[in-house]
C-alpha atoms as a PDB file:
ATOM      1  CA  MET A   1       7.480 -12.707  19.753  1.00  0.00           C
ATOM      2  CA  LEU A   2       4.224 -14.242  18.502  1.00  0.00           C
ATOM      3  CA  PRO A   3       2.290 -13.530  21.748  1.00  0.00           C
ATOM      4  CA  TRP A   4       3.487  -9.906  21.556  1.00  0.00           C
ATOM      5  CA  LEU A   5       2.225  -9.591  17.981  1.00  0.00           C
ATOM      6  CA  LEU A   6      -1.077 -11.238  18.791  1.00  0.00           C
ATOM      7  CA  ASP A   7      -1.683  -8.723  21.574  1.00  0.00           C
ATOM      8  CA  SER A   8      -2.697  -6.072  19.064  1.00  0.00           C
ATOM      9  CA  ASP A   9      -5.528  -4.315  17.267  1.00  0.00           C
ATOM     10  CA  PRO A  10      -7.791  -6.582  15.157  1.00  0.00           C
ATOM     11  CA  ALA A  11      -6.487  -4.844  11.998  1.00  0.00           C
ATOM     12  CA  LEU A  12      -3.046  -6.265  12.719  1.00  0.00           C
ATOM     13  CA  ARG A  13      -3.929  -9.366  14.738  1.00  0.00           C
ATOM     14  CA  TRP A  14      -5.877 -11.125  11.972  1.00  0.00           C
ATOM     15  CA  GLN A  15      -2.868 -10.904   9.662  1.00  0.00           C
ATOM     16  CA  VAL A  16      -0.604 -12.332  12.356  1.00  0.00           C
ATOM     17  CA  GLU A  17      -3.061 -15.177  12.865  1.00  0.00           C
ATOM     18  CA  ARG A  18      -3.236 -15.920   9.145  1.00  0.00           C
ATOM     19  CA  ASP A  19       0.339 -15.315   8.000  1.00  0.00           C
ATOM     20  CA  LEU A  20       2.497 -16.149  11.026  1.00  0.00           C
ATOM     21  CA  ALA A  21       0.451 -18.326  13.371  1.00  0.00           C
ATOM     22  CA  HIS A  22      -1.204 -20.186  10.458  1.00  0.00           C
ATOM     23  CA  GLU A  23      -4.535 -20.339  12.222  1.00  0.00           C
ATOM     24  CA  PRO A  24      -7.493 -21.827  10.308  1.00  0.00           C
ATOM     25  CA  PRO A  25      -9.705 -19.358   8.405  1.00  0.00           C
ATOM     26  CA  GLU A  26     -12.470 -19.447  10.994  1.00  0.00           C
ATOM     27  CA  VAL A  27     -10.055 -17.948  13.539  1.00  0.00           C
ATOM     28  CA  TRP A  28      -8.548 -15.086  11.551  1.00  0.00           C
ATOM     29  CA  GLU A  29     -11.796 -14.327   9.725  1.00  0.00           C
ATOM     30  CA  ALA A  30     -13.530 -13.836  13.082  1.00  0.00           C
ATOM     31  CA  THR A  31     -10.802 -11.412  14.138  1.00  0.00           C
ATOM     32  CA  ARG A  32     -10.965  -9.612  10.822  1.00  0.00           C
ATOM     33  CA  ALA A  33     -14.723  -9.136  11.215  1.00  0.00           C
ATOM     34  CA  ARG A  34     -14.065  -7.109  14.373  1.00  0.00           C
ATOM     35  CA  ILE A  35     -12.207  -4.337  12.487  1.00  0.00           C
ATOM     36  CA  ALA A  36     -15.419  -2.461  11.716  1.00  0.00           C
ATOM     37  CA  THR A  37     -16.525  -2.362  15.346  1.00  0.00           C
ATOM     38  CA  GLU A  38     -13.297  -2.237  17.365  1.00  0.00           C
ATOM     39  CA  GLY A  39     -10.006  -0.406  17.461  1.00  0.00           C
ATOM     40  CA  PHE A  40      -8.375   1.403  14.569  1.00  0.00           C
ATOM     41  CA  GLY A  41     -10.986   0.497  11.983  1.00  0.00           C
ATOM     42  CA  ALA A  42     -13.970   1.607  14.042  1.00  0.00           C
ATOM     43  CA  ARG A  43     -12.194   4.825  15.076  1.00  0.00           C
ATOM     44  CA  LEU A  44     -11.360   5.766  11.489  1.00  0.00           C
ATOM     45  CA  LEU A  45     -14.822   4.842  10.236  1.00  0.00           C
ATOM     46  CA  ALA A  46     -16.307   7.186  12.845  1.00  0.00           C
ATOM     47  CA  HIS A  47     -14.501  10.134  11.199  1.00  0.00           C
ATOM     48  CA  GLN A  48     -16.307   9.657   7.876  1.00  0.00           C
ATOM     49  CA  ASP A  49     -18.372  12.655   6.806  1.00  0.00           C
ATOM     50  CA  PRO A  50     -22.076  12.302   5.922  1.00  0.00           C
ATOM     51  CA  ASP A  51     -21.190  12.937   2.257  1.00  0.00           C
ATOM     52  CA  GLY A  52     -18.938   9.856   2.219  1.00  0.00           C
ATOM     53  CA  GLN A  53     -15.641  11.720   2.425  1.00  0.00           C
ATOM     54  CA  TRP A  54     -13.106  12.149   5.187  1.00  0.00           C
ATOM     55  CA  ALA A  55     -11.908  15.631   6.159  1.00  0.00           C
ATOM     56  CA  GLY A  56     -14.048  17.079   3.382  1.00  0.00           C
ATOM     57  CA  GLY A  57     -11.642  16.304   0.533  1.00  0.00           C
ATOM     58  CA  ALA A  58     -10.487  13.668  -1.944  1.00  0.00           C
ATOM     59  CA  PHE A  59      -6.692  13.744  -1.492  1.00  0.00           C
ATOM     60  CA  PHE A  60      -6.301  16.767   0.790  1.00  0.00           C
ATOM     61  CA  PRO A  61      -8.561  18.013   3.580  1.00  0.00           C
ATOM     62  CA  ALA A  62     -11.009  20.722   2.615  1.00  0.00           C
ATOM     63  CA  GLY A  63      -9.337  24.111   2.594  1.00  0.00           C
ATOM     64  CA  PHE A  64      -5.760  22.770   2.519  1.00  0.00           C
ATOM     65  CA  THR A  65      -3.485  25.066   0.534  1.00  0.00           C
ATOM     66  CA  GLY A  66      -0.040  23.589   1.161  1.00  0.00           C
ATOM     67  CA  ALA A  67       1.058  26.583   3.186  1.00  0.00           C
ATOM     68  CA  GLU A  68       0.062  24.702   6.350  1.00  0.00           C
ATOM     69  CA  GLY A  69       3.112  22.418   6.094  1.00  0.00           C
ATOM     70  CA  GLU A  70       3.400  18.677   5.565  1.00  0.00           C
ATOM     71  CA  GLN A  71       0.984  16.500   3.568  1.00  0.00           C
ATOM     72  CA  PRO A  72      -1.982  15.588   5.832  1.00  0.00           C
ATOM     73  CA  TRP A  73      -3.060  11.932   5.911  1.00  0.00           C
ATOM     74  CA  THR A  74      -6.687  12.527   6.928  1.00  0.00           C
ATOM     75  CA  ALA A  75      -8.554  12.971   3.629  1.00  0.00           C
ATOM     76  CA  THR A  76     -10.679  10.408   1.797  1.00  0.00           C
ATOM     77  CA  THR A  77      -8.078   8.512  -0.234  1.00  0.00           C
ATOM     78  CA  TRP A  78      -5.709   8.006   2.693  1.00  0.00           C
ATOM     79  CA  SER A  79      -8.550   6.907   4.964  1.00  0.00           C
ATOM     80  CA  LEU A  80      -9.864   4.418   2.409  1.00  0.00           C
ATOM     81  CA  ASN A  81      -6.325   3.091   1.842  1.00  0.00           C
ATOM     82  CA  SER A  82      -5.929   2.387   5.544  1.00  0.00           C
ATOM     83  CA  LEU A  83      -9.298   0.679   5.949  1.00  0.00           C
ATOM     84  CA  ARG A  84      -8.732  -1.485   2.871  1.00  0.00           C
ATOM     85  CA  GLU A  85      -5.170  -2.413   3.806  1.00  0.00           C
ATOM     86  CA  TRP A  86      -6.252  -3.262   7.339  1.00  0.00           C
ATOM     87  CA  GLY A  87      -8.789  -5.680   5.890  1.00  0.00           C
ATOM     88  CA  MET A  88     -12.109  -4.062   6.722  1.00  0.00           C
ATOM     89  CA  ASP A  89     -15.130  -5.695   5.096  1.00  0.00           C
ATOM     90  CA  ALA A  90     -16.445  -3.390   2.368  1.00  0.00           C
ATOM     91  CA  ALA A  91     -19.960  -3.993   3.680  1.00  0.00           C
ATOM     92  CA  ALA A  92     -19.112  -1.723   6.615  1.00  0.00           C
ATOM     93  CA  LEU A  93     -18.851   1.150   4.109  1.00  0.00           C
ATOM     94  CA  HIS A  94     -22.127   0.388   2.353  1.00  0.00           C
ATOM     95  CA  GLY A  95     -23.131   3.344   0.180  1.00  0.00           C
ATOM     96  CA  THR A  96     -19.698   4.992   0.283  1.00  0.00           C
ATOM     97  CA  ALA A  97     -18.947   4.337  -3.386  1.00  0.00           C
ATOM     98  CA  GLU A  98     -22.168   6.044  -4.428  1.00  0.00           C
ATOM     99  CA  LEU A  99     -21.662   8.970  -2.047  1.00  0.00           C
ATOM    100  CA  LEU A 100     -18.163   9.606  -3.363  1.00  0.00           C
ATOM    101  CA  ALA A 101     -19.363   9.416  -6.953  1.00  0.00           C
ATOM    102  CA  GLU A 102     -21.895  12.113  -6.110  1.00  0.00           C
ATOM    103  CA  ASN A 103     -19.924  14.350  -3.766  1.00  0.00           C
ATOM    104  CA  SER A 104     -16.164  13.972  -4.168  1.00  0.00           C
ATOM    105  CA  ARG A 105     -13.944  15.612  -6.809  1.00  0.00           C
ATOM    106  CA  TRP A 106     -10.182  15.565  -7.177  1.00  0.00           C
ATOM    107  CA  GLU A 107      -8.383  18.734  -6.234  1.00  0.00           C
ATOM    108  CA  TYR A 108      -6.546  18.465  -9.572  1.00  0.00           C
ATOM    109  CA  GLY A 109      -8.877  19.529 -12.372  1.00  0.00           C
ATOM    110  CA  ASP A 110     -12.069  18.976 -10.357  1.00  0.00           C
ATOM    111  CA  MET A 111     -12.262  15.470 -11.859  1.00  0.00           C
ATOM    112  CA  PRO A 112     -14.877  12.921 -10.641  1.00  0.00           C
ATOM    113  CA  TYR A 113     -13.529  10.766  -7.829  1.00  0.00           C
ATOM    114  CA  TRP A 114     -13.855   7.299  -9.350  1.00  0.00           C
ATOM    115  CA  GLY A 115     -12.471   8.447 -12.705  1.00  0.00           C
ATOM    116  CA  GLY A 116      -9.053   9.089 -11.179  1.00  0.00           C
ATOM    117  CA  GLU A 117      -6.792  11.938 -12.279  1.00  0.00           C
ATOM    118  CA  VAL A 118      -3.247  12.306 -13.702  1.00  0.00           C
ATOM    119  CA  ASP A 119      -1.154  10.948 -10.818  1.00  0.00           C
ATOM    120  CA  CYS A 120      -0.360   7.232 -11.182  1.00  0.00           C
ATOM    121  CA  CYS A 121      -0.186   6.643  -7.415  1.00  0.00           C
ATOM    122  CA  ILE A 122      -3.587   8.267  -6.912  1.00  0.00           C
ATOM    123  CA  ASN A 123      -5.022   6.248  -9.799  1.00  0.00           C
ATOM    124  CA  ALA A 124      -3.626   3.023  -8.359  1.00  0.00           C
ATOM    125  CA  TRP A 125      -5.230   3.674  -4.982  1.00  0.00           C
ATOM    126  CA  THR A 126      -8.476   4.688  -6.675  1.00  0.00           C
ATOM    127  CA  LEU A 127      -8.442   1.456  -8.672  1.00  0.00           C
ATOM    128  CA  ALA A 128      -7.835  -0.689  -5.579  1.00  0.00           C
ATOM    129  CA  ASN A 129     -10.343   1.189  -3.410  1.00  0.00           C
ATOM    130  CA  GLY A 130     -12.975   1.178  -6.139  1.00  0.00           C
ATOM    131  CA  LEU A 131     -12.656  -2.570  -6.673  1.00  0.00           C
ATOM    132  CA  TRP A 132     -12.985  -3.075  -2.935  1.00  0.00           C
ATOM    133  CA  LEU A 133     -16.095  -0.890  -2.619  1.00  0.00           C
ATOM    134  CA  GLY A 134     -17.750  -1.986  -5.857  1.00  0.00           C
ATOM    135  CA  ALA A 135     -17.332   1.250  -7.837  1.00  0.00           C
ATOM    136  CA  ASP A 136     -16.961   1.217 -11.616  1.00  0.00           C
ATOM    137  CA  VAL A 137     -13.212   1.777 -12.021  1.00  0.00           C
ATOM    138  CA  ALA A 138     -12.652  -0.456 -15.049  1.00  0.00           C
ATOM    139  CA  PRO A 139     -11.602   2.481 -17.299  1.00  0.00           C
ATOM    140  CA  LEU A 140      -8.645   3.145 -14.997  1.00  0.00           C
ATOM    141  CA  VAL A 141      -7.010  -0.181 -15.843  1.00  0.00           C
ATOM    142  CA  SER A 142      -6.002   0.799 -19.363  1.00  0.00           C
ATOM    143  CA  TRP A 143      -4.638   4.101 -18.030  1.00  0.00           C
ATOM    144  CA  PHE A 144      -1.607   2.256 -16.642  1.00  0.00           C
ATOM    145  CA  SER A 145      -0.709   0.648 -19.959  1.00  0.00           C
ATOM    146  CA  ASP A 146      -1.151   3.987 -21.692  1.00  0.00           C
ATOM    147  CA  HIS A 147       1.088   5.845 -19.227  1.00  0.00           C
ATOM    148  CA  GLN A 148       3.856   3.304 -18.670  1.00  0.00           C
ATOM    149  CA  GLN A 149       7.340   4.748 -19.147  1.00  0.00           C
ATOM    150  CA  PRO A 150       9.734   3.378 -21.807  1.00  0.00           C
ATOM    151  CA  ASP A 151      11.787   1.704 -19.046  1.00  0.00           C
ATOM    152  CA  GLY A 152       8.758  -0.276 -17.852  1.00  0.00           C
ATOM    153  CA  GLY A 153       7.787   1.588 -14.700  1.00  0.00           C
ATOM    154  CA  TRP A 154       5.764   4.685 -13.879  1.00  0.00           C
ATOM    155  CA  ASN A 155       6.397   8.183 -12.639  1.00  0.00           C
ATOM    156  CA  CYS A 156       3.813  10.554 -11.198  1.00  0.00           C
ATOM    157  CA  GLU A 157       5.819  13.366 -12.782  1.00  0.00           C
ATOM    158  CA  TRP A 158       5.037  12.176 -16.320  1.00  0.00           C
ATOM    159  CA  VAL A 159       2.631  15.077 -16.614  1.00  0.00           C
ATOM    160  CA  SER A 160       5.634  17.406 -16.228  1.00  0.00           C
ATOM    161  CA  GLY A 161       7.511  15.586 -18.964  1.00  0.00           C
ATOM    162  CA  SER A 162       9.450  12.933 -17.064  1.00  0.00           C
ATOM    163  CA  GLN A 163      10.321   9.846 -19.119  1.00  0.00           C
ATOM    164  CA  ARG A 164      12.117   7.961 -16.349  1.00  0.00           C
ATOM    165  CA  SER A 165      10.340   5.839 -13.802  1.00  0.00           C
ATOM    166  CA  SER A 166      10.250   6.307 -10.045  1.00  0.00           C
ATOM    167  CA  VAL A 167      10.453   3.390  -7.610  1.00  0.00           C
ATOM    168  CA  HIS A 168       7.744   5.016  -5.464  1.00  0.00           C
ATOM    169  CA  SER A 169       5.342   5.467  -8.376  1.00  0.00           C
ATOM    170  CA  THR A 170       6.129   2.059  -9.833  1.00  0.00           C
ATOM    171  CA  LEU A 171       5.484   0.155  -6.599  1.00  0.00           C
ATOM    172  CA  ASN A 172       2.193   1.947  -5.964  1.00  0.00           C
ATOM    173  CA  SER A 173       1.067   1.332  -9.545  1.00  0.00           C
ATOM    174  CA  LEU A 174       1.934  -2.349  -9.228  1.00  0.00           C
ATOM    175  CA  LYS A 175      -0.173  -2.643  -6.099  1.00  0.00           C
ATOM    176  CA  GLY A 176      -3.174  -1.259  -7.954  1.00  0.00           C
ATOM    177  CA  LEU A 177      -2.712  -3.613 -10.891  1.00  0.00           C
ATOM    178  CA  LEU A 178      -2.292  -6.611  -8.582  1.00  0.00           C
ATOM    179  CA  ALA A 179      -5.503  -5.650  -6.787  1.00  0.00           C
ATOM    180  CA  PHE A 180      -7.259  -5.605 -10.165  1.00  0.00           C
ATOM    181  CA  GLU A 181      -5.929  -9.040 -11.101  1.00  0.00           C
ATOM    182  CA  THR A 182      -6.803 -10.482  -7.707  1.00  0.00           C
ATOM    183  CA  ALA A 183     -10.371  -9.208  -8.008  1.00  0.00           C
ATOM    184  CA  THR A 184     -11.033  -9.937 -11.688  1.00  0.00           C
ATOM    185  CA  GLY A 185      -8.286 -12.140 -13.106  1.00  0.00           C
ATOM    186  CA  GLY A 186      -6.952  -9.187 -15.066  1.00  0.00           C
ATOM    187  CA  THR A 187      -6.591  -8.686 -18.803  1.00  0.00           C
ATOM    188  CA  PRO A 188      -3.666  -9.521 -21.101  1.00  0.00           C
ATOM    189  CA  ALA A 189      -2.749  -5.826 -21.134  1.00  0.00           C
ATOM    190  CA  SER A 190      -2.937  -5.404 -17.354  1.00  0.00           C
ATOM    191  CA  ARG A 191      -0.864  -8.520 -16.750  1.00  0.00           C
ATOM    192  CA  ALA A 192       1.738  -7.379 -19.262  1.00  0.00           C
ATOM    193  CA  ALA A 193       1.907  -3.950 -17.623  1.00  0.00           C
ATOM    194  CA  ARG A 194       2.305  -5.487 -14.176  1.00  0.00           C
ATOM    195  CA  HIS A 195       5.069  -7.860 -15.201  1.00  0.00           C
ATOM    196  CA  SER A 196       6.898  -5.073 -17.012  1.00  0.00           C
ATOM    197  CA  GLY A 197       6.709  -2.895 -13.908  1.00  0.00           C
ATOM    198  CA  GLU A 198       7.948  -5.741 -11.730  1.00  0.00           C
ATOM    199  CA  GLU A 199      10.871  -6.244 -14.085  1.00  0.00           C
ATOM    200  CA  TYR A 200      11.777  -2.569 -13.702  1.00  0.00           C
ATOM    201  CA  LEU A 201      12.254  -3.095  -9.948  1.00  0.00           C
ATOM    202  CA  LEU A 202      13.755  -6.576 -10.138  1.00  0.00           C
ATOM    203  CA  GLU A 203      16.465  -5.717 -12.622  1.00  0.00           C
ATOM    204  CA  ARG A 204      17.555  -3.098 -10.096  1.00  0.00           C
ATOM    205  CA  GLY A 205      17.528  -5.626  -7.261  1.00  0.00           C
ATOM    206  CA  LEU A 206      14.789  -3.459  -5.688  1.00  0.00           C
ATOM    207  CA  PHE A 207      17.307  -0.817  -4.550  1.00  0.00           C
ATOM    208  CA  ARG A 208      20.176  -0.194  -6.989  1.00  0.00           C
ATOM    209  CA  ARG A 209      20.578   2.187  -9.891  1.00  0.00           C
ATOM    210  CA  LEU A 210      20.701   0.358 -13.194  1.00  0.00           C
ATOM    211  CA  SER A 211      23.311   2.774 -14.551  1.00  0.00           C
ATOM    212  CA  THR A 212      25.907   2.506 -11.764  1.00  0.00           C
ATOM    213  CA  GLY A 213      24.829  -0.281  -9.434  1.00  0.00           C
ATOM    214  CA  SER A 214      24.916   2.139  -6.495  1.00  0.00           C
ATOM    215  CA  GLU A 215      22.089   2.384  -3.981  1.00  0.00           C
ATOM    216  CA  ILE A 216      19.230   4.594  -5.126  1.00  0.00           C
ATOM    217  CA  ALA A 217      19.218   6.509  -1.831  1.00  0.00           C
ATOM    218  CA  PRO A 218      19.693   5.917   1.919  1.00  0.00           C
ATOM    219  CA  TRP A 219      15.943   5.735   2.460  1.00  0.00           C
ATOM    220  CA  ILE A 220      15.668   2.338   0.745  1.00  0.00           C
ATOM    221  CA  THR A 221      16.348   0.674   4.135  1.00  0.00           C
ATOM    222  CA  VAL A 222      14.540   3.230   6.312  1.00  0.00           C
ATOM    223  CA  PHE A 223      11.380   1.429   7.420  1.00  0.00           C
ATOM    224  CA  ALA A 224       8.389   3.343   8.727  1.00  0.00           C
ATOM    225  CA  TYR A 225       4.749   2.351   9.127  1.00  0.00           C
ATOM    226  CA  PRO A 226       2.279   3.368   7.770  1.00  0.00           C
ATOM    227  CA  PHE A 227       4.098   3.104   4.434  1.00  0.00           C
ATOM    228  CA  ARG A 228       1.902   5.785   2.774  1.00  0.00           C
ATOM    229  CA  TRP A 229       3.340   6.462  -0.721  1.00  0.00           C
ATOM    230  CA  PHE A 230       6.956   5.932   0.273  1.00  0.00           C
ATOM    231  CA  TYR A 231       9.191   3.221  -1.152  1.00  0.00           C
ATOM    232  CA  ASP A 232      11.563   1.036   0.801  1.00  0.00           C
ATOM    233  CA  VAL A 233      12.796  -2.514   0.260  1.00  0.00           C
ATOM    234  CA  LEU A 234      10.509  -3.954   2.949  1.00  0.00           C
ATOM    235  CA  ASN A 235       7.436  -2.394   1.359  1.00  0.00           C
ATOM    236  CA  ALA A 236       8.595  -3.645  -2.056  1.00  0.00           C
ATOM    237  CA  ALA A 237       9.494  -7.148  -0.875  1.00  0.00           C
ATOM    238  CA  ASP A 238       6.106  -7.599   0.781  1.00  0.00           C
ATOM    239  CA  TYR A 239       4.469  -6.647  -2.521  1.00  0.00           C
ATOM    240  CA  PHE A 240       6.563  -9.255  -4.363  1.00  0.00           C
ATOM    241  CA  ARG A 241       5.621 -11.842  -1.733  1.00  0.00           C
ATOM    242  CA  GLU A 242       1.940 -11.150  -2.383  1.00  0.00           C
ATOM    243  CA  ALA A 243       2.419 -11.143  -6.162  1.00  0.00           C
ATOM    244  CA  ALA A 244       4.345 -14.432  -6.097  1.00  0.00           C
ATOM    245  CA  LEU A 245       1.617 -16.068  -4.016  1.00  0.00           C
ATOM    246  CA  HIS A 246      -0.978 -14.786  -6.492  1.00  0.00           C
ATOM    247  CA  ASP A 247       1.053 -16.117  -9.444  1.00  0.00           C
ATOM    248  CA  ALA A 248       2.001 -19.371  -7.667  1.00  0.00           C
ATOM    249  CA  ALA A 249       5.607 -18.448  -8.462  1.00  0.00           C
ATOM    250  CA  ALA A 250       8.899 -18.818  -6.617  1.00  0.00           C
ATOM    251  CA  PRO A 251      10.698 -15.737  -5.275  1.00  0.00           C
ATOM    252  CA  ASP A 252      12.859 -14.040  -7.872  1.00  0.00           C
ATOM    253  CA  PRO A 253      16.544 -14.561  -6.949  1.00  0.00           C
ATOM    254  CA  ARG A 254      17.313 -10.969  -7.919  1.00  0.00           C
ATOM    255  CA  MET A 255      15.673  -9.956  -4.642  1.00  0.00           C
ATOM    256  CA  ALA A 256      18.297 -11.761  -2.564  1.00  0.00           C
ATOM    257  CA  GLU A 257      20.413  -8.770  -1.617  1.00  0.00           C
ATOM    258  CA  ALA A 258      17.374  -6.665  -0.747  1.00  0.00           C
ATOM    259  CA  VAL A 259      16.024  -9.446   1.457  1.00  0.00           C
ATOM    260  CA  GLU A 260      19.338  -9.556   3.302  1.00  0.00           C
ATOM    261  CA  ARG A 261      19.021  -5.823   3.959  1.00  0.00           C
ATOM    262  CA  ILE A 262      15.655  -6.550   5.569  1.00  0.00           C
ATOM    263  CA  ARG A 263      17.171  -9.376   7.592  1.00  0.00           C
ATOM    264  CA  ALA A 264      20.022  -7.141   8.756  1.00  0.00           C
ATOM    265  CA  ALA A 265      17.506  -4.665  10.183  1.00  0.00           C
ATOM    266  CA  ARG A 266      15.919  -7.326  12.396  1.00  0.00           C
ATOM    267  CA  GLN A 267      16.778  -6.869  16.069  1.00  0.00           C
ATOM    268  CA  PRO A 268      18.151  -9.725  18.233  1.00  0.00           C
ATOM    269  CA  ASP A 269      14.659 -10.200  19.731  1.00  0.00           C
ATOM    270  CA  GLY A 270      13.145 -10.680  16.260  1.00  0.00           C
ATOM    271  CA  THR A 271      11.526  -7.264  15.953  1.00  0.00           C
ATOM    272  CA  TRP A 272      11.997  -4.348  13.565  1.00  0.00           C
ATOM    273  CA  LEU A 273      12.255  -0.793  14.872  1.00  0.00           C
ATOM    274  CA  GLN A 274      10.181   2.134  13.676  1.00  0.00           C
ATOM    275  CA  ALA A 275      12.645   4.497  11.964  1.00  0.00           C
ATOM    276  CA  HIS A 276      10.377   7.549  12.100  1.00  0.00           C
ATOM    277  CA  ARG A 277       6.825   8.674  11.531  1.00  0.00           C
ATOM    278  CA  HIS A 278       6.050  10.271   8.188  1.00  0.00           C
ATOM    279  CA  ALA A 279       5.248  13.882   9.028  1.00  0.00           C
ATOM    280  CA  GLY A 280       1.696  15.070   8.514  1.00  0.00           C
ATOM    281  CA  LYS A 281      -1.605  15.331  10.351  1.00  0.00           C
ATOM    282  CA  VAL A 282      -3.315  12.012  11.200  1.00  0.00           C
ATOM    283  CA  TRP A 283      -6.610  11.162  12.827  1.00  0.00           C
ATOM    284  CA  PHE A 284      -4.701   9.098  15.407  1.00  0.00           C
ATOM    285  CA  GLU A 285      -1.435   7.168  15.606  1.00  0.00           C
ATOM    286  CA  VAL A 286      -1.489   3.474  14.699  1.00  0.00           C
ATOM    287  CA  ASP A 287       2.131   2.587  15.417  1.00  0.00           C
ATOM    288  CA  VAL A 288       4.907   3.394  17.853  1.00  0.00           C
ATOM    289  CA  GLU A 289       7.207   6.406  17.842  1.00  0.00           C
ATOM    290  CA  ALA A 290      10.681   6.302  16.338  1.00  0.00           C
ATOM    291  CA  GLY A 291      13.188   3.917  17.875  1.00  0.00           C
ATOM    292  CA  LYS A 292      10.655   1.498  19.367  1.00  0.00           C
ATOM    293  CA  PRO A 293       9.791  -2.027  18.184  1.00  0.00           C
ATOM    294  CA  SER A 294       6.983  -1.830  15.645  1.00  0.00           C
ATOM    295  CA  LYS A 295       4.419  -4.604  15.518  1.00  0.00           C
ATOM    296  CA  TRP A 296       3.413  -3.585  11.995  1.00  0.00           C
ATOM    297  CA  LEU A 297       6.959  -3.648  10.647  1.00  0.00           C
ATOM    298  CA  THR A 298       7.642  -6.892  12.505  1.00  0.00           C
ATOM    299  CA  LEU A 299       4.614  -8.486  10.836  1.00  0.00           C
ATOM    300  CA  HIS A 300       5.816  -7.384   7.396  1.00  0.00           C
ATOM    301  CA  GLY A 301       9.452  -8.270   8.000  1.00  0.00           C
ATOM    302  CA  THR A 302       8.738 -11.669   9.493  1.00  0.00           C
ATOM    303  CA  ARG A 303       6.361 -12.781   6.782  1.00  0.00           C
ATOM    304  CA  VAL A 304       8.762 -11.644   4.049  1.00  0.00           C
ATOM    305  CA  LEU A 305      11.636 -13.634   5.576  1.00  0.00           C
ATOM    306  CA  ASN A 306       9.427 -16.668   6.252  1.00  0.00           C
ATOM    307  CA  TRP A 307       8.238 -16.636   2.637  1.00  0.00           C
ATOM    308  CA  TRP A 308      11.733 -16.166   1.246  1.00  0.00           C
ATOM    309  CA  ASP A 309      13.433 -18.715   3.499  1.00  0.00           C
ATOM    310  CA  SER A 310      10.791 -21.391   3.014  1.00  0.00           C
ATOM    311  CA  ALA A 311      11.058 -21.107  -0.766  1.00  0.00           C
ATOM    312  CA  THR A 312      14.797 -20.651  -1.149  1.00  0.00           C
END
């Protein structure tokens, strides 16, 4: 399986080299440096507009009304998310932070791009992308403490009055807070918010309702890459792997049942299958169609199980 995974785009290959093949830094760092000039990274970078945006918009392409159908994945935030998650060096986007500060506004309320808006997922991505590109996003950190739900998580529908957290919103918020801690060390308030949000997911075993113990929904074990904003136990478990490595902590045993759901989805040849592609316009496809072995999901699944099994 390892040779199959290594035969891939630099955006994926460097992570395989680092996390599965355990190559020395000089090997995977050299592969990572190729993202800006080869493959997925170079192709997506080529779609950037002169004003620093992608598709002319912050979260949606310019002119999108919603009547066109599914959420497009081509606008600025989604493009930055992909480049950052793939591991592109921020130097390849030199000047982008300044261009977005000057030219990009959120579709909601015409708010300045790096100030974020009212959606916690959007603010989490803005925080992570701003830290990566060197924008001033420090004011966004306290936003998460101020908008945490009474149960410890977050919900993008808080603006409509919701007082119950969402697993989707909570996971995305946690990723933003972890990015802040990784980059800066965090603050007492940001660390407290992160640990409270993690507890929200852990006390539910990552996939069960606290009230009844039943599964939240069938989609908790439906794995599809790119993850986008969607929650599933593989996406969540890979976050907890990263957080535990950051904290130098052991895996939380409350994840055990969720990890076994991930293990059960592994095929006899060691791969994970793409369940579907999230509908919506893309610049280009980066993973296989439904029903085929996914290198991206196999990377995530394998490193989660390796981390869990080696520690437990």
